[in-house]
Amino acid sequence: MALTRAEFLRLLPVAVGGAAYRVEGDEIGSLAGSPAWRIRLRERAPRAFGPVAIPVLAVTLEVEAADEAAARAFVSRFLLGYQRAGG
C-alpha cells in the first residue's frame, strides 16, 4: 500500500467496520466477532518518482472464517476502507 504506518492505522477502524482490535508491534488482531482476522505490517523503502517519495507499506491480511461469504465480505469492506478517489 502507498501509505505510511500512521495513515494505515488512522483508516483501520473504518476498514474493519468498527470491530475491536489490538496493535502489538507490527501485528494487529481482532479481539472479538466474526470473522477473526490478523494483519501484519512491514514498512518498505519508499519509491521515488523524481523528487517525490511514495511510502510503501507491505500489508498481509489473514481472515479466519467458517463461512466463505463472511470472509469475502470482510475483505471487500477492508479494501474499500483504503480506496482513494483521485482525479
C-alpha atoms as a PDB file:
ATOM      1  CA  MET A   1       0.000   0.000   0.000  1.00  0.00           C
ATOM      2  CA  ALA A   2       1.157   3.527  -0.684  1.00  0.00           C
ATOM      3  CA  LEU A   3       0.596   4.582   2.912  1.00  0.00           C
ATOM      4  CA  THR A   4       2.630   5.301   5.992  1.00  0.00           C
ATOM      5  CA  ARG A   5       2.020   3.179   9.067  1.00  0.00           C
ATOM      6  CA  ALA A   6       0.306   6.147  10.748  1.00  0.00           C
ATOM      7  CA  GLU A   7      -2.048   6.605   7.769  1.00  0.00           C
ATOM      8  CA  PHE A   8      -2.857   2.878   7.741  1.00  0.00           C
ATOM      9  CA  LEU A   9      -3.726   2.891  11.448  1.00  0.00           C
ATOM     10  CA  ARG A  10      -5.825   6.055  11.108  1.00  0.00           C
ATOM     11  CA  LEU A  11      -8.004   4.412   8.421  1.00  0.00           C
ATOM     12  CA  LEU A  12      -8.132   0.958  10.033  1.00  0.00           C
ATOM     13  CA  PRO A  13     -11.275   1.461  12.194  1.00  0.00           C
ATOM     14  CA  VAL A  14     -13.345   2.195   9.082  1.00  0.00           C
ATOM     15  CA  ALA A  15     -11.728  -0.623   7.102  1.00  0.00           C
ATOM     16  CA  VAL A  16     -12.668  -3.202   9.763  1.00  0.00           C
ATOM     17  CA  GLY A  17     -16.181  -1.857  10.262  1.00  0.00           C
ATOM     18  CA  GLY A  18     -15.545  -0.607  13.782  1.00  0.00           C
ATOM     19  CA  ALA A  19     -14.512  -4.053  15.050  1.00  0.00           C
ATOM     20  CA  ALA A  20     -12.397  -4.145  18.208  1.00  0.00           C
ATOM     21  CA  TYR A  21      -8.706  -4.897  17.671  1.00  0.00           C
ATOM     22  CA  ARG A  22      -5.308  -4.664  19.345  1.00  0.00           C
ATOM     23  CA  VAL A  23      -1.990  -3.493  17.944  1.00  0.00           C
ATOM     24  CA  GLU A  24       1.145  -5.311  19.117  1.00  0.00           C
ATOM     25  CA  GLY A  25       4.174  -4.065  17.240  1.00  0.00           C
ATOM     26  CA  ASP A  26       3.690  -4.892  13.575  1.00  0.00           C
ATOM     27  CA  GLU A  27       0.753  -7.244  14.204  1.00  0.00           C
ATOM     28  CA  ILE A  28      -2.869  -6.240  14.545  1.00  0.00           C
ATOM     29  CA  GLY A  29      -5.544  -8.730  15.520  1.00  0.00           C
ATOM     30  CA  SER A  30      -9.281  -8.810  16.037  1.00  0.00           C
ATOM     31  CA  LEU A  31     -10.469  -9.114  19.616  1.00  0.00           C
ATOM     32  CA  ALA A  32     -13.955 -10.457  19.011  1.00  0.00           C
ATOM     33  CA  GLY A  33     -16.549 -11.009  16.359  1.00  0.00           C
ATOM     34  CA  SER A  34     -16.650 -12.982  13.204  1.00  0.00           C
ATOM     35  CA  PRO A  35     -14.652 -13.387  11.143  1.00  0.00           C
ATOM     36  CA  ALA A  36     -11.418 -13.373  13.128  1.00  0.00           C
ATOM     37  CA  TRP A  37      -8.582 -11.600  11.320  1.00  0.00           C
ATOM     38  CA  ARG A  38      -4.916 -10.701  11.659  1.00  0.00           C
ATOM     39  CA  ILE A  39      -2.816  -8.091   9.867  1.00  0.00           C
ATOM     40  CA  ARG A  40       0.973  -7.909   9.598  1.00  0.00           C
ATOM     41  CA  LEU A  41       2.700  -4.687   8.569  1.00  0.00           C
ATOM     42  CA  ARG A  42       6.190  -4.191   7.132  1.00  0.00           C
ATOM     43  CA  GLU A  43       7.499  -0.785   6.194  1.00  0.00           C
ATOM     44  CA  ARG A  44       9.471  -0.876   2.954  1.00  0.00           C
ATOM     45  CA  ALA A  45      11.789   1.645   1.356  1.00  0.00           C
ATOM     46  CA  PRO A  46       9.877   4.498  -0.295  1.00  0.00           C
ATOM     47  CA  ARG A  47       9.567   4.530  -4.081  1.00  0.00           C
ATOM     48  CA  ALA A  48      10.994   7.580  -5.723  1.00  0.00           C
ATOM     49  CA  PHE A  49       9.268   9.289  -8.622  1.00  0.00           C
ATOM     50  CA  GLY A  50      11.549  12.189  -9.422  1.00  0.00           C
ATOM     51  CA  PRO A  51      11.671  14.388  -6.330  1.00  0.00           C
ATOM     52  CA  VAL A  52       8.621  12.692  -4.787  1.00  0.00           C
ATOM     53  CA  ALA A  53       8.977   9.750  -2.384  1.00  0.00           C
ATOM     54  CA  ILE A  54       5.927   7.457  -2.142  1.00  0.00           C
ATOM     55  CA  PRO A  55       5.657   5.444   1.096  1.00  0.00           C
ATOM     56  CA  VAL A  56       5.378   1.658   0.776  1.00  0.00           C
ATOM     57  CA  LEU A  57       3.724  -0.468   3.443  1.00  0.00           C
ATOM     58  CA  ALA A  58       3.543  -4.234   2.924  1.00  0.00           C
ATOM     59  CA  VAL A  59       0.277  -5.495   4.408  1.00  0.00           C
ATOM     60  CA  THR A  60      -0.651  -9.141   4.950  1.00  0.00           C
ATOM     61  CA  LEU A  61      -4.277  -9.837   5.874  1.00  0.00           C
ATOM     62  CA  GLU A  62      -5.393 -13.246   7.146  1.00  0.00           C
ATOM     63  CA  VAL A  63      -9.081 -13.942   7.681  1.00  0.00           C
ATOM     64  CA  GLU A  64     -10.322 -16.980   9.570  1.00  0.00           C
ATOM     65  CA  ALA A  65     -13.972 -17.720   8.911  1.00  0.00           C
ATOM     66  CA  ALA A  66     -16.095 -20.810   8.780  1.00  0.00           C
ATOM     67  CA  ASP A  67     -18.249 -19.030   6.209  1.00  0.00           C
ATOM     68  CA  GLU A  68     -16.539 -18.047   2.950  1.00  0.00           C
ATOM     69  CA  ALA A  69     -19.169 -15.390   2.266  1.00  0.00           C
ATOM     70  CA  ALA A  70     -18.349 -13.681   5.590  1.00  0.00           C
ATOM     71  CA  ALA A  71     -14.638 -13.725   4.754  1.00  0.00           C
ATOM     72  CA  ARG A  72     -15.266 -12.215   1.308  1.00  0.00           C
ATOM     73  CA  ALA A  73     -17.497  -9.509   2.782  1.00  0.00           C
ATOM     74  CA  PHE A  74     -14.816  -8.611   5.329  1.00  0.00           C
ATOM     75  CA  VAL A  75     -12.067  -8.394   2.687  1.00  0.00           C
ATOM     76  CA  SER A  76     -14.303  -6.252   0.444  1.00  0.00           C
ATOM     77  CA  ARG A  77     -15.001  -3.848   3.317  1.00  0.00           C
ATOM     78  CA  PHE A  78     -11.306  -3.778   4.232  1.00  0.00           C
ATOM     79  CA  LEU A  79     -10.222  -2.910   0.681  1.00  0.00           C
ATOM     80  CA  LEU A  80     -12.951  -0.297   0.330  1.00  0.00           C
ATOM     81  CA  GLY A  81     -11.713   1.366   3.527  1.00  0.00           C
ATOM     82  CA  TYR A  82      -8.385   2.084   1.854  1.00  0.00           C
ATOM     83  CA  GLN A  83      -9.579   3.171  -1.588  1.00  0.00           C
ATOM     84  CA  ARG A  84      -8.825   6.736  -2.527  1.00  0.00           C
ATOM     85  CA  ALA A  85     -10.561   8.900  -5.042  1.00  0.00           C
ATOM     86  CA  GLY A  86      -8.417  10.927  -7.379  1.00  0.00           C
ATOM     87  CA  GLY A  87      -8.675  12.916 -10.458  1.00  0.00           C
END
